[in-house]
Amino acid sequence: MNKKAGRRYRAAFLLLTVLLFALIVWNINSGSVSVTVGEIFEILFAGKGEETAYQIIWSIRLPRILAVIVLGGALSVSGFLLQTFFANPIAGPFVLGISSGAKLVVALVMIACLEHSLTVSSGLMIAAAFAGSLISMGFVLAVSRKVHQMSLLVISGIMISYICSAITDFVVTFADDSDIVNLHNWSMGSFSGTSWDNVAVMSVVVGAAMVMAFLMSKPIGAYQLGEAYAQNMGVNVRLFRVLLILLSSLLSACVTAFAGPISFVGIAVPHLVKSALKTAKPLLVIPGCFLGGAVFCLFCDLIARTVFSPTELSISSVTAIFGAPVVIYIMIRRRRTV
């Protein structure tokens, strides 16, 4: 049985890795300027190639692809941590309103800085998004103490999301500065305009959060079996829950700061990964979620920017098309098992 499970794990990770590299090449190749696979490898590994193609790959496409990988993986892991915290597979940063809270505070900070001609740094955006995530999470936790049904908690999260989105849209709509008006595209979710500096900052933040998540793998595994079991195993449940909230909020805040709110990735991908691995062990699911989130978002971003080119779709519109049916399936299956 262990050998069979081991083969399943290796096959799942191998498939995700192959899909990841295939989608990286496909994303580099696709666009208004087509680049052959041979030219891609020559530009990436030999530093040679036609000047226009070279600049497009290194200055535009590659930073965006790396951002999609880092942020897609972060969003998926954030969803897994929230599902562990609430012990429910339909918990996620977008559904619970955490992403919308981060979006609201980031928009307000950006507007305030632009009105005073101040530069908005990546660190400031992450800090603003993190503060917004914690505020929304605070409301969700306050509601969770009064409401014990997950369905009502999800509805409360959706209401928080609508309120935050409405305030954000109101502020952006009535802004005078053209740069502020352009926040509308970001507020809908997009990976466009990513720079190498952005990639460096998000990689450091997400990398540190992922290391922390790995270090918490054993406590997470114990917590999945119940708070009483975790306490008996020596886990400080109160501290553990705080760290889980901070990590999930930081990961979702980093995504929102750079790409805006992205829907359904945090719910759908962890479920698909756990179904493929047939286990919820954090040591396997955390890297699996990161790879799965990267693959899912690379595929959705490819569709978003190429299907109706030169018009680019909102990334959340595409992720919703593929992620929402998974969420519906989860809810139906849970209803049957109750």
C-alpha atoms as a PDB file:
ATOM      1  CA  MET A   1       0.000   0.000   0.000  1.00  0.00           C
ATOM      2  CA  ASN A   2       2.857   2.397   0.846  1.00  0.00           C
ATOM      3  CA  LYS A   3       4.562   1.582  -2.470  1.00  0.00           C
ATOM      4  CA  LYS A   4       1.324   2.282  -4.321  1.00  0.00           C
ATOM      5  CA  ALA A   5       0.924   5.610  -2.518  1.00  0.00           C
ATOM      6  CA  GLY A   6       4.565   6.475  -3.245  1.00  0.00           C
ATOM      7  CA  ARG A   7       4.051   5.825  -6.958  1.00  0.00           C
ATOM      8  CA  ARG A   8       0.958   8.016  -6.911  1.00  0.00           C
ATOM      9  CA  TYR A   9       2.851  10.868  -5.237  1.00  0.00           C
ATOM     10  CA  ARG A  10       5.744  10.637  -7.694  1.00  0.00           C
ATOM     11  CA  ALA A  11       3.388  10.481 -10.669  1.00  0.00           C
ATOM     12  CA  ALA A  12       1.398  13.498  -9.459  1.00  0.00           C
ATOM     13  CA  PHE A  13       4.485  15.655  -8.856  1.00  0.00           C
ATOM     14  CA  LEU A  14       6.051  14.546 -12.129  1.00  0.00           C
ATOM     15  CA  LEU A  15       2.879  15.466 -14.026  1.00  0.00           C
ATOM     16  CA  LEU A  16       2.691  18.875 -12.341  1.00  0.00           C
ATOM     17  CA  THR A  17       6.374  19.555 -13.082  1.00  0.00           C
ATOM     18  CA  VAL A  18       6.017  18.579 -16.746  1.00  0.00           C
ATOM     19  CA  LEU A  19       2.893  20.728 -17.088  1.00  0.00           C
ATOM     20  CA  LEU A  20       4.694  23.632 -15.427  1.00  0.00           C
ATOM     21  CA  PHE A  21       7.640  23.587 -17.840  1.00  0.00           C
ATOM     22  CA  ALA A  22       5.375  23.023 -20.845  1.00  0.00           C
ATOM     23  CA  LEU A  23       3.217  26.013 -19.885  1.00  0.00           C
ATOM     24  CA  ILE A  24       6.295  28.186 -19.286  1.00  0.00           C
ATOM     25  CA  VAL A  25       7.483  27.516 -22.844  1.00  0.00           C
ATOM     26  CA  TRP A  26       3.947  27.948 -24.208  1.00  0.00           C
ATOM     27  CA  ASN A  27       3.513  31.288 -22.413  1.00  0.00           C
ATOM     28  CA  ILE A  28       6.881  32.561 -23.659  1.00  0.00           C
ATOM     29  CA  ASN A  29       5.994  31.471 -27.189  1.00  0.00           C
ATOM     30  CA  SER A  30       2.499  33.000 -27.245  1.00  0.00           C
ATOM     31  CA  GLY A  31       1.742  36.649 -27.925  1.00  0.00           C
ATOM     32  CA  SER A  32       1.611  39.298 -30.621  1.00  0.00           C
ATOM     33  CA  VAL A  33       5.222  38.411 -31.495  1.00  0.00           C
ATOM     34  CA  SER A  34       5.609  34.654 -31.954  1.00  0.00           C
ATOM     35  CA  VAL A  35       8.924  33.086 -30.912  1.00  0.00           C
ATOM     36  CA  THR A  36       9.886  29.523 -31.825  1.00  0.00           C
ATOM     37  CA  VAL A  37      10.951  27.009 -29.178  1.00  0.00           C
ATOM     38  CA  GLY A  38      14.475  26.989 -30.602  1.00  0.00           C
ATOM     39  CA  GLU A  39      14.701  30.786 -30.349  1.00  0.00           C
ATOM     40  CA  ILE A  40      13.365  30.659 -26.788  1.00  0.00           C
ATOM     41  CA  PHE A  41      16.122  28.298 -25.616  1.00  0.00           C
ATOM     42  CA  GLU A  42      18.751  30.271 -27.536  1.00  0.00           C
ATOM     43  CA  ILE A  43      17.655  33.536 -25.901  1.00  0.00           C
ATOM     44  CA  LEU A  44      17.320  32.079 -22.401  1.00  0.00           C
ATOM     45  CA  PHE A  45      20.440  29.928 -22.238  1.00  0.00           C
ATOM     46  CA  ALA A  46      22.809  31.393 -24.835  1.00  0.00           C
ATOM     47  CA  GLY A  47      21.879  35.050 -24.476  1.00  0.00           C
ATOM     48  CA  LYS A  48      21.571  35.356 -28.256  1.00  0.00           C
ATOM     49  CA  GLY A  49      18.731  36.045 -30.630  1.00  0.00           C
ATOM     50  CA  GLU A  50      16.873  38.724 -32.529  1.00  0.00           C
ATOM     51  CA  GLU A  51      16.866  41.976 -30.504  1.00  0.00           C
ATOM     52  CA  THR A  52      13.096  42.531 -30.464  1.00  0.00           C
ATOM     53  CA  ALA A  53      12.344  38.955 -29.397  1.00  0.00           C
ATOM     54  CA  TYR A  54      15.127  39.148 -26.791  1.00  0.00           C
ATOM     55  CA  GLN A  55      13.672  42.295 -25.211  1.00  0.00           C
ATOM     56  CA  ILE A  56      10.104  40.966 -25.293  1.00  0.00           C
ATOM     57  CA  ILE A  57      11.074  37.741 -23.530  1.00  0.00           C
ATOM     58  CA  TRP A  58      13.417  39.205 -20.900  1.00  0.00           C
ATOM     59  CA  SER A  59      11.593  42.466 -20.190  1.00  0.00           C
ATOM     60  CA  ILE A  60       7.916  41.507 -20.552  1.00  0.00           C
ATOM     61  CA  ARG A  61       7.068  37.826 -20.755  1.00  0.00           C
ATOM     62  CA  LEU A  62       9.558  36.202 -18.381  1.00  0.00           C
ATOM     63  CA  PRO A  63       8.901  38.550 -15.411  1.00  0.00           C
ATOM     64  CA  ARG A  64       5.180  38.040 -15.891  1.00  0.00           C
ATOM     65  CA  ILE A  65       5.514  34.247 -16.062  1.00  0.00           C
ATOM     66  CA  LEU A  66       7.631  34.118 -12.908  1.00  0.00           C
ATOM     67  CA  ALA A  67       5.124  36.379 -11.142  1.00  0.00           C
ATOM     68  CA  VAL A  68       2.276  34.054 -12.158  1.00  0.00           C
ATOM     69  CA  ILE A  69       4.196  31.049 -10.792  1.00  0.00           C
ATOM     70  CA  VAL A  70       5.062  32.707  -7.474  1.00  0.00           C
ATOM     71  CA  LEU A  71       1.684  34.355  -6.875  1.00  0.00           C
ATOM     72  CA  GLY A  72      -0.385  31.440  -8.177  1.00  0.00           C
ATOM     73  CA  GLY A  73       1.448  29.069  -5.849  1.00  0.00           C
ATOM     74  CA  ALA A  74       1.118  31.499  -2.928  1.00  0.00           C
ATOM     75  CA  LEU A  75      -2.636  31.878  -3.433  1.00  0.00           C
ATOM     76  CA  SER A  76      -3.155  28.133  -3.533  1.00  0.00           C
ATOM     77  CA  VAL A  77      -1.139  27.544  -0.348  1.00  0.00           C
ATOM     78  CA  SER A  78      -3.024  30.391   1.343  1.00  0.00           C
ATOM     79  CA  GLY A  79      -6.274  28.620   0.485  1.00  0.00           C
ATOM     80  CA  PHE A  80      -4.987  25.342   1.939  1.00  0.00           C
ATOM     81  CA  LEU A  81      -4.016  27.074   5.202  1.00  0.00           C
ATOM     82  CA  LEU A  82      -7.438  28.717   5.479  1.00  0.00           C
ATOM     83  CA  GLN A  83      -9.176  25.408   4.776  1.00  0.00           C
ATOM     84  CA  THR A  84      -7.104  23.861   7.555  1.00  0.00           C
ATOM     85  CA  PHE A  85      -7.958  26.716   9.924  1.00  0.00           C
ATOM     86  CA  PHE A  86     -11.720  26.531   9.315  1.00  0.00           C
ATOM     87  CA  ALA A  87     -11.732  22.749   8.699  1.00  0.00           C
ATOM     88  CA  ASN A  88     -13.747  23.287   5.519  1.00  0.00           C
ATOM     89  CA  PRO A  89     -12.762  22.862   1.835  1.00  0.00           C
ATOM     90  CA  ILE A  90     -14.745  25.877   0.601  1.00  0.00           C
ATOM     91  CA  ALA A  91     -12.811  28.376   2.728  1.00  0.00           C
ATOM     92  CA  GLY A  92     -10.527  30.617   0.682  1.00  0.00           C
ATOM     93  CA  PRO A  93      -9.105  34.157   0.625  1.00  0.00           C
ATOM     94  CA  PHE A  94     -11.464  35.336  -2.145  1.00  0.00           C
ATOM     95  CA  VAL A  95     -14.659  33.760  -0.796  1.00  0.00           C
ATOM     96  CA  LEU A  96     -14.073  34.938   2.782  1.00  0.00           C
ATOM     97  CA  GLY A  97     -13.468  38.531   1.651  1.00  0.00           C
ATOM     98  CA  ILE A  98      -9.792  38.613   2.637  1.00  0.00           C
ATOM     99  CA  SER A  99      -8.627  39.499  -0.876  1.00  0.00           C
ATOM    100  CA  SER A 100     -11.222  42.259  -1.161  1.00  0.00           C
ATOM    101  CA  GLY A 101     -10.122  43.774   2.152  1.00  0.00           C
ATOM    102  CA  ALA A 102      -6.541  43.784   0.916  1.00  0.00           C
ATOM    103  CA  LYS A 103      -7.665  45.354  -2.376  1.00  0.00           C
ATOM    104  CA  LEU A 104      -9.488  48.152  -0.562  1.00  0.00           C
ATOM    105  CA  VAL A 105      -6.557  49.201   1.622  1.00  0.00           C
ATOM    106  CA  VAL A 106      -4.050  48.958  -1.260  1.00  0.00           C
ATOM    107  CA  ALA A 107      -6.287  51.144  -3.442  1.00  0.00           C
ATOM    108  CA  LEU A 108      -6.664  53.746  -0.680  1.00  0.00           C
ATOM    109  CA  VAL A 109      -2.904  53.835  -0.033  1.00  0.00           C
ATOM    110  CA  MET A 110      -2.102  54.110  -3.752  1.00  0.00           C
ATOM    111  CA  ILE A 111      -4.618  56.924  -4.204  1.00  0.00           C
ATOM    112  CA  ALA A 112      -3.249  58.810  -1.196  1.00  0.00           C
ATOM    113  CA  CYS A 113       0.333  58.452  -2.460  1.00  0.00           C
ATOM    114  CA  LEU A 114      -0.513  59.475  -6.024  1.00  0.00           C
ATOM    115  CA  GLU A 115      -2.432  62.534  -4.874  1.00  0.00           C
ATOM    116  CA  HIS A 116       0.660  63.681  -2.972  1.00  0.00           C
ATOM    117  CA  SER A 117       3.049  62.689  -5.796  1.00  0.00           C
ATOM    118  CA  LEU A 118       4.672  59.989  -3.670  1.00  0.00           C
ATOM    119  CA  THR A 119       6.207  56.794  -5.034  1.00  0.00           C
ATOM    120  CA  VAL A 120       4.361  53.600  -4.140  1.00  0.00           C
ATOM    121  CA  SER A 121       6.973  50.956  -3.333  1.00  0.00           C
ATOM    122  CA  SER A 122       6.389  47.202  -3.474  1.00  0.00           C
ATOM    123  CA  GLY A 123       6.962  46.934   0.260  1.00  0.00           C
ATOM    124  CA  LEU A 124       4.316  49.567   0.980  1.00  0.00           C
ATOM    125  CA  MET A 125       1.805  47.771  -1.251  1.00  0.00           C
ATOM    126  CA  ILE A 126       2.408  44.458   0.527  1.00  0.00           C
ATOM    127  CA  ALA A 127       2.120  46.139   3.938  1.00  0.00           C
ATOM    128  CA  ALA A 128      -1.151  47.809   2.917  1.00  0.00           C
ATOM    129  CA  ALA A 129      -2.549  44.563   1.521  1.00  0.00           C
ATOM    130  CA  PHE A 130      -1.486  42.689   4.659  1.00  0.00           C
ATOM    131  CA  ALA A 131      -3.259  45.243   6.852  1.00  0.00           C
ATOM    132  CA  GLY A 132      -6.401  44.941   4.734  1.00  0.00           C
ATOM    133  CA  SER A 133      -6.242  41.147   4.884  1.00  0.00           C
ATOM    134  CA  LEU A 134      -5.979  41.193   8.671  1.00  0.00           C
ATOM    135  CA  ILE A 135      -8.905  43.614   8.981  1.00  0.00           C
ATOM    136  CA  SER A 136     -11.121  41.383   6.832  1.00  0.00           C
ATOM    137  CA  MET A 137      -9.919  38.275   8.638  1.00  0.00           C
ATOM    138  CA  GLY A 138     -10.784  39.968  11.935  1.00  0.00           C
ATOM    139  CA  PHE A 139     -14.370  40.471  10.765  1.00  0.00           C
ATOM    140  CA  VAL A 140     -14.560  36.850   9.586  1.00  0.00           C
ATOM    141  CA  LEU A 141     -13.234  35.549  12.916  1.00  0.00           C
ATOM    142  CA  ALA A 142     -15.683  37.762  14.831  1.00  0.00           C
ATOM    143  CA  VAL A 143     -18.548  36.325  12.782  1.00  0.00           C
ATOM    144  CA  SER A 144     -17.227  32.762  13.205  1.00  0.00           C
ATOM    145  CA  ARG A 145     -17.576  33.096  16.990  1.00  0.00           C
ATOM    146  CA  LYS A 146     -21.280  33.885  16.615  1.00  0.00           C
ATOM    147  CA  VAL A 147     -22.019  31.581  13.681  1.00  0.00           C
ATOM    148  CA  HIS A 148     -21.109  27.917  13.737  1.00  0.00           C
ATOM    149  CA  GLN A 149     -22.420  26.951  10.307  1.00  0.00           C
ATOM    150  CA  MET A 150     -19.825  27.258   7.546  1.00  0.00           C
ATOM    151  CA  SER A 151     -22.471  28.232   4.990  1.00  0.00           C
ATOM    152  CA  LEU A 152     -23.408  31.328   7.021  1.00  0.00           C
ATOM    153  CA  LEU A 153     -19.738  32.157   7.533  1.00  0.00           C
ATOM    154  CA  VAL A 154     -19.143  31.988   3.775  1.00  0.00           C
ATOM    155  CA  ILE A 155     -22.156  34.234   3.170  1.00  0.00           C
ATOM    156  CA  SER A 156     -20.750  36.718   5.685  1.00  0.00           C
ATOM    157  CA  GLY A 157     -17.397  36.612   3.888  1.00  0.00           C
ATOM    158  CA  ILE A 158     -19.100  37.261   0.563  1.00  0.00           C
ATOM    159  CA  MET A 159     -20.935  40.233   2.066  1.00  0.00           C
ATOM    160  CA  ILE A 160     -17.623  41.627   3.385  1.00  0.00           C
ATOM    161  CA  SER A 161     -16.172  41.120  -0.090  1.00  0.00           C
ATOM    162  CA  TYR A 162     -19.044  43.032  -1.720  1.00  0.00           C
ATOM    163  CA  ILE A 163     -18.733  45.918   0.745  1.00  0.00           C
ATOM    164  CA  CYS A 164     -14.959  46.246   0.230  1.00  0.00           C
ATOM    165  CA  SER A 165     -15.280  45.956  -3.553  1.00  0.00           C
ATOM    166  CA  ALA A 166     -18.061  48.550  -3.651  1.00  0.00           C
ATOM    167  CA  ILE A 167     -15.990  51.054  -1.651  1.00  0.00           C
ATOM    168  CA  THR A 168     -12.948  50.393  -3.861  1.00  0.00           C
ATOM    169  CA  ASP A 169     -14.955  50.859  -7.067  1.00  0.00           C
ATOM    170  CA  PHE A 170     -16.526  54.052  -5.705  1.00  0.00           C
ATOM    171  CA  VAL A 171     -13.144  55.565  -4.837  1.00  0.00           C
ATOM    172  CA  VAL A 172     -11.543  54.550  -8.142  1.00  0.00           C
ATOM    173  CA  THR A 173     -14.502  55.679 -10.265  1.00  0.00           C
ATOM    174  CA  PHE A 174     -14.552  59.207  -8.883  1.00  0.00           C
ATOM    175  CA  ALA A 175     -10.793  59.697  -8.931  1.00  0.00           C
ATOM    176  CA  ASP A 176      -9.532  62.481 -11.208  1.00  0.00           C
ATOM    177  CA  ASP A 177      -5.955  61.421 -11.776  1.00  0.00           C
ATOM    178  CA  SER A 178      -5.517  59.207 -14.862  1.00  0.00           C
ATOM    179  CA  ASP A 179      -3.068  56.998 -12.987  1.00  0.00           C
ATOM    180  CA  ILE A 180      -5.671  56.376 -10.314  1.00  0.00           C
ATOM    181  CA  VAL A 181      -8.328  55.548 -12.900  1.00  0.00           C
ATOM    182  CA  ASN A 182      -5.984  52.884 -14.249  1.00  0.00           C
ATOM    183  CA  LEU A 183      -6.342  51.123 -10.886  1.00  0.00           C
ATOM    184  CA  HIS A 184      -9.603  49.723 -12.266  1.00  0.00           C
ATOM    185  CA  ASN A 185      -7.688  47.166 -14.353  1.00  0.00           C
ATOM    186  CA  TRP A 186      -5.647  46.114 -11.331  1.00  0.00           C
ATOM    187  CA  SER A 187      -8.777  45.857  -9.169  1.00  0.00           C
ATOM    188  CA  MET A 188     -10.179  43.300 -11.632  1.00  0.00           C
ATOM    189  CA  GLY A 189      -7.067  41.117 -11.352  1.00  0.00           C
ATOM    190  CA  SER A 190      -4.138  41.143 -13.782  1.00  0.00           C
ATOM    191  CA  PHE A 191      -0.499  40.031 -13.966  1.00  0.00           C
ATOM    192  CA  SER A 192       0.388  42.601 -16.640  1.00  0.00           C
ATOM    193  CA  GLY A 193       3.078  45.204 -16.060  1.00  0.00           C
ATOM    194  CA  THR A 194       5.166  43.048 -13.732  1.00  0.00           C
ATOM    195  CA  SER A 195       8.824  44.093 -13.459  1.00  0.00           C
ATOM    196  CA  TRP A 196      11.923  42.225 -12.305  1.00  0.00           C
ATOM    197  CA  ASP A 197      11.942  44.336  -9.117  1.00  0.00           C
ATOM    198  CA  ASN A 198       8.386  43.170  -8.376  1.00  0.00           C
ATOM    199  CA  VAL A 199       9.411  39.551  -8.964  1.00  0.00           C
ATOM    200  CA  ALA A 200      12.354  39.913  -6.560  1.00  0.00           C
ATOM    201  CA  VAL A 201      10.205  41.360  -3.762  1.00  0.00           C
ATOM    202  CA  MET A 202       7.346  38.878  -4.121  1.00  0.00           C
ATOM    203  CA  SER A 203       9.792  35.957  -4.297  1.00  0.00           C
ATOM    204  CA  VAL A 204      11.413  36.952  -0.995  1.00  0.00           C
ATOM    205  CA  VAL A 205       8.063  37.404   0.787  1.00  0.00           C
ATOM    206  CA  VAL A 206       6.466  34.242  -0.588  1.00  0.00           C
ATOM    207  CA  GLY A 207       9.667  32.231  -0.110  1.00  0.00           C
ATOM    208  CA  ALA A 208       9.861  33.204   3.572  1.00  0.00           C
ATOM    209  CA  ALA A 209       6.165  32.369   4.076  1.00  0.00           C
ATOM    210  CA  MET A 210       6.608  28.997   2.355  1.00  0.00           C
ATOM    211  CA  VAL A 211       9.546  28.122   4.640  1.00  0.00           C
ATOM    212  CA  MET A 212       7.352  28.948   7.644  1.00  0.00           C
ATOM    213  CA  ALA A 213       4.530  26.811   6.236  1.00  0.00           C
ATOM    214  CA  PHE A 214       6.911  23.859   5.837  1.00  0.00           C
ATOM    215  CA  LEU A 215       8.182  24.281   9.390  1.00  0.00           C
ATOM    216  CA  MET A 216       4.559  24.144  10.572  1.00  0.00           C
ATOM    217  CA  SER A 217       3.789  20.944   8.630  1.00  0.00           C
ATOM    218  CA  LYS A 218       3.699  18.677  11.702  1.00  0.00           C
ATOM    219  CA  PRO A 219       1.476  21.013  13.762  1.00  0.00           C
ATOM    220  CA  ILE A 220      -0.815  21.422  10.730  1.00  0.00           C
ATOM    221  CA  GLY A 221      -1.073  17.629  10.393  1.00  0.00           C
ATOM    222  CA  ALA A 222      -1.954  17.333  14.089  1.00  0.00           C
ATOM    223  CA  TYR A 223      -4.467  20.193  13.882  1.00  0.00           C
ATOM    224  CA  GLN A 224      -6.236  18.478  10.977  1.00  0.00           C
ATOM    225  CA  LEU A 225      -7.156  15.709  13.434  1.00  0.00           C
ATOM    226  CA  GLY A 226      -8.758  18.152  15.853  1.00  0.00           C
ATOM    227  CA  GLU A 227      -7.729  20.744  18.416  1.00  0.00           C
ATOM    228  CA  ALA A 228      -7.807  18.232  21.282  1.00  0.00           C
ATOM    229  CA  TYR A 229      -5.447  15.883  19.428  1.00  0.00           C
ATOM    230  CA  ALA A 230      -3.116  18.779  18.566  1.00  0.00           C
ATOM    231  CA  GLN A 231      -2.983  19.863  22.229  1.00  0.00           C
ATOM    232  CA  ASN A 232      -2.209  16.309  23.301  1.00  0.00           C
ATOM    233  CA  MET A 233       0.657  16.303  20.782  1.00  0.00           C
ATOM    234  CA  GLY A 234       2.124  19.388  22.447  1.00  0.00           C
ATOM    235  CA  VAL A 235       0.911  22.004  19.955  1.00  0.00           C
ATOM    236  CA  ASN A 236       0.202  25.453  21.368  1.00  0.00           C
ATOM    237  CA  VAL A 237      -3.146  25.761  19.602  1.00  0.00           C
ATOM    238  CA  ARG A 238      -3.661  29.465  20.300  1.00  0.00           C
ATOM    239  CA  LEU A 239      -0.224  30.431  18.937  1.00  0.00           C
ATOM    240  CA  PHE A 240      -0.640  27.996  16.056  1.00  0.00           C
ATOM    241  CA  ARG A 241      -3.956  29.537  14.998  1.00  0.00           C
ATOM    242  CA  VAL A 242      -2.446  33.045  15.090  1.00  0.00           C
ATOM    243  CA  LEU A 243       0.506  31.939  12.939  1.00  0.00           C
ATOM    244  CA  LEU A 244      -1.856  30.212  10.511  1.00  0.00           C
ATOM    245  CA  ILE A 245      -3.889  33.420  10.139  1.00  0.00           C
ATOM    246  CA  LEU A 246      -0.769  35.559   9.668  1.00  0.00           C
ATOM    247  CA  LEU A 247       0.735  33.214   7.056  1.00  0.00           C
ATOM    248  CA  SER A 248      -2.450  32.835   5.011  1.00  0.00           C
ATOM    249  CA  SER A 249      -3.070  36.595   5.177  1.00  0.00           C
ATOM    250  CA  LEU A 250       0.512  37.410   4.148  1.00  0.00           C
ATOM    251  CA  LEU A 251       0.372  35.073   1.146  1.00  0.00           C
ATOM    252  CA  SER A 252      -2.995  36.350  -0.089  1.00  0.00           C
ATOM    253  CA  ALA A 253      -1.899  39.964   0.590  1.00  0.00           C
ATOM    254  CA  CYS A 254       1.204  39.526  -1.559  1.00  0.00           C
ATOM    255  CA  VAL A 255      -0.961  38.261  -4.414  1.00  0.00           C
ATOM    256  CA  THR A 256      -3.449  41.117  -4.103  1.00  0.00           C
ATOM    257  CA  ALA A 257      -0.713  43.764  -3.856  1.00  0.00           C
ATOM    258  CA  PHE A 258       0.838  42.802  -7.185  1.00  0.00           C
ATOM    259  CA  ALA A 259      -2.000  41.237  -9.195  1.00  0.00           C
ATOM    260  CA  GLY A 260      -5.245  42.325  -7.552  1.00  0.00           C
ATOM    261  CA  PRO A 261      -7.859  39.874  -6.239  1.00  0.00           C
ATOM    262  CA  ILE A 262      -7.924  36.505  -8.024  1.00  0.00           C
ATOM    263  CA  SER A 263     -10.930  34.246  -7.545  1.00  0.00           C
ATOM    264  CA  PHE A 264     -11.363  30.524  -6.831  1.00  0.00           C
ATOM    265  CA  VAL A 265      -7.679  29.493  -7.078  1.00  0.00           C
ATOM    266  CA  GLY A 266      -7.411  29.209  -3.293  1.00  0.00           C
ATOM    267  CA  ILE A 267     -10.386  26.854  -3.145  1.00  0.00           C
ATOM    268  CA  ALA A 268     -10.189  24.778  -6.315  1.00  0.00           C
ATOM    269  CA  VAL A 269      -6.474  23.984  -6.484  1.00  0.00           C
ATOM    270  CA  PRO A 270      -6.040  22.570  -2.937  1.00  0.00           C
ATOM    271  CA  HIS A 271      -9.048  20.311  -3.507  1.00  0.00           C
ATOM    272  CA  LEU A 272      -7.713  19.080  -6.863  1.00  0.00           C
ATOM    273  CA  VAL A 273      -4.249  18.478  -5.386  1.00  0.00           C
ATOM    274  CA  LYS A 274      -5.603  16.534  -2.411  1.00  0.00           C
ATOM    275  CA  SER A 275      -7.794  14.490  -4.745  1.00  0.00           C
ATOM    276  CA  ALA A 276      -4.822  13.682  -6.990  1.00  0.00           C
ATOM    277  CA  LEU A 277      -2.551  12.758  -4.078  1.00  0.00           C
ATOM    278  CA  LYS A 278      -5.379  11.107  -2.105  1.00  0.00           C
ATOM    279  CA  THR A 279      -3.905  12.538   1.083  1.00  0.00           C
ATOM    280  CA  ALA A 280      -4.047  15.733   3.144  1.00  0.00           C
ATOM    281  CA  LYS A 281      -0.522  15.411   4.592  1.00  0.00           C
ATOM    282  CA  PRO A 282       0.908  18.957   4.705  1.00  0.00           C
ATOM    283  CA  LEU A 283       4.431  17.866   3.679  1.00  0.00           C
ATOM    284  CA  LEU A 284       2.954  16.663   0.380  1.00  0.00           C
ATOM    285  CA  VAL A 285       0.000  18.996  -0.070  1.00  0.00           C
ATOM    286  CA  ILE A 286       1.902  22.278   0.498  1.00  0.00           C
ATOM    287  CA  PRO A 287       4.418  21.756  -2.366  1.00  0.00           C
ATOM    288  CA  GLY A 288       1.656  20.142  -4.417  1.00  0.00           C
ATOM    289  CA  CYS A 289      -0.570  23.198  -3.925  1.00  0.00           C
ATOM    290  CA  PHE A 290       2.271  25.525  -4.898  1.00  0.00           C
ATOM    291  CA  LEU A 291       2.952  23.608  -8.122  1.00  0.00           C
ATOM    292  CA  GLY A 292      -0.768  23.189  -8.812  1.00  0.00           C
ATOM    293  CA  GLY A 293      -1.467  26.886  -8.260  1.00  0.00           C
ATOM    294  CA  ALA A 294       1.403  27.837 -10.563  1.00  0.00           C
ATOM    295  CA  VAL A 295       0.164  25.485 -13.313  1.00  0.00           C
ATOM    296  CA  PHE A 296      -3.476  26.573 -12.937  1.00  0.00           C
ATOM    297  CA  CYS A 297      -2.654  30.296 -13.046  1.00  0.00           C
ATOM    298  CA  LEU A 298      -0.201  29.919 -15.948  1.00  0.00           C
ATOM    299  CA  PHE A 299      -2.910  28.196 -17.965  1.00  0.00           C
ATOM    300  CA  CYS A 300      -5.556  30.806 -17.040  1.00  0.00           C
ATOM    301  CA  ASP A 301      -3.189  33.723 -17.713  1.00  0.00           C
ATOM    302  CA  LEU A 302      -2.353  32.263 -21.126  1.00  0.00           C
ATOM    303  CA  ILE A 303      -6.061  32.220 -21.974  1.00  0.00           C
ATOM    304  CA  ALA A 304      -6.615  35.698 -20.519  1.00  0.00           C
ATOM    305  CA  ARG A 305      -4.010  37.375 -22.719  1.00  0.00           C
ATOM    306  CA  THR A 306      -4.268  35.394 -25.967  1.00  0.00           C
ATOM    307  CA  VAL A 307      -7.869  34.306 -26.636  1.00  0.00           C
ATOM    308  CA  PHE A 308      -9.142  37.807 -27.476  1.00  0.00           C
ATOM    309  CA  SER A 309      -5.769  39.407 -28.203  1.00  0.00           C
ATOM    310  CA  PRO A 310      -4.973  42.311 -28.220  1.00  0.00           C
ATOM    311  CA  THR A 311      -7.748  42.690 -25.607  1.00  0.00           C
ATOM    312  CA  GLU A 312      -6.728  41.080 -22.329  1.00  0.00           C
ATOM    313  CA  LEU A 313      -9.315  39.454 -20.076  1.00  0.00           C
ATOM    314  CA  SER A 314      -9.366  39.810 -16.313  1.00  0.00           C
ATOM    315  CA  ILE A 315      -7.504  36.859 -14.786  1.00  0.00           C
ATOM    316  CA  SER A 316     -10.326  36.417 -12.246  1.00  0.00           C
ATOM    317  CA  SER A 317     -12.833  35.953 -15.063  1.00  0.00           C
ATOM    318  CA  VAL A 318     -10.831  33.022 -16.425  1.00  0.00           C
ATOM    319  CA  THR A 319     -10.046  31.422 -13.055  1.00  0.00           C
ATOM    320  CA  ALA A 320     -13.750  31.636 -12.187  1.00  0.00           C
ATOM    321  CA  ILE A 321     -14.701  29.709 -15.333  1.00  0.00           C
ATOM    322  CA  PHE A 322     -12.479  26.777 -14.343  1.00  0.00           C
ATOM    323  CA  GLY A 323     -12.563  27.135 -10.549  1.00  0.00           C
ATOM    324  CA  ALA A 324     -16.259  27.724  -9.873  1.00  0.00           C
ATOM    325  CA  PRO A 325     -17.389  24.278 -11.168  1.00  0.00           C
ATOM    326  CA  VAL A 326     -14.895  22.657  -8.774  1.00  0.00           C
ATOM    327  CA  VAL A 327     -16.394  24.608  -5.862  1.00  0.00           C
ATOM    328  CA  ILE A 328     -19.921  23.608  -6.908  1.00  0.00           C
ATOM    329  CA  TYR A 329     -18.821  19.964  -7.048  1.00  0.00           C
ATOM    330  CA  ILE A 330     -17.286  20.220  -3.551  1.00  0.00           C
ATOM    331  CA  MET A 331     -20.501  21.663  -2.116  1.00  0.00           C
ATOM    332  CA  ILE A 332     -22.682  19.014  -3.773  1.00  0.00           C
ATOM    333  CA  ARG A 333     -20.452  16.191  -2.578  1.00  0.00           C
ATOM    334  CA  ARG A 334     -20.389  17.546   0.982  1.00  0.00           C
ATOM    335  CA  ARG A 335     -24.184  17.865   0.902  1.00  0.00           C
ATOM    336  CA  ARG A 336     -24.505  14.183  -0.062  1.00  0.00           C
ATOM    337  CA  THR A 337     -22.194  13.059   2.738  1.00  0.00           C
ATOM    338  CA  VAL A 338     -23.972  15.069   5.467  1.00  0.00           C
END
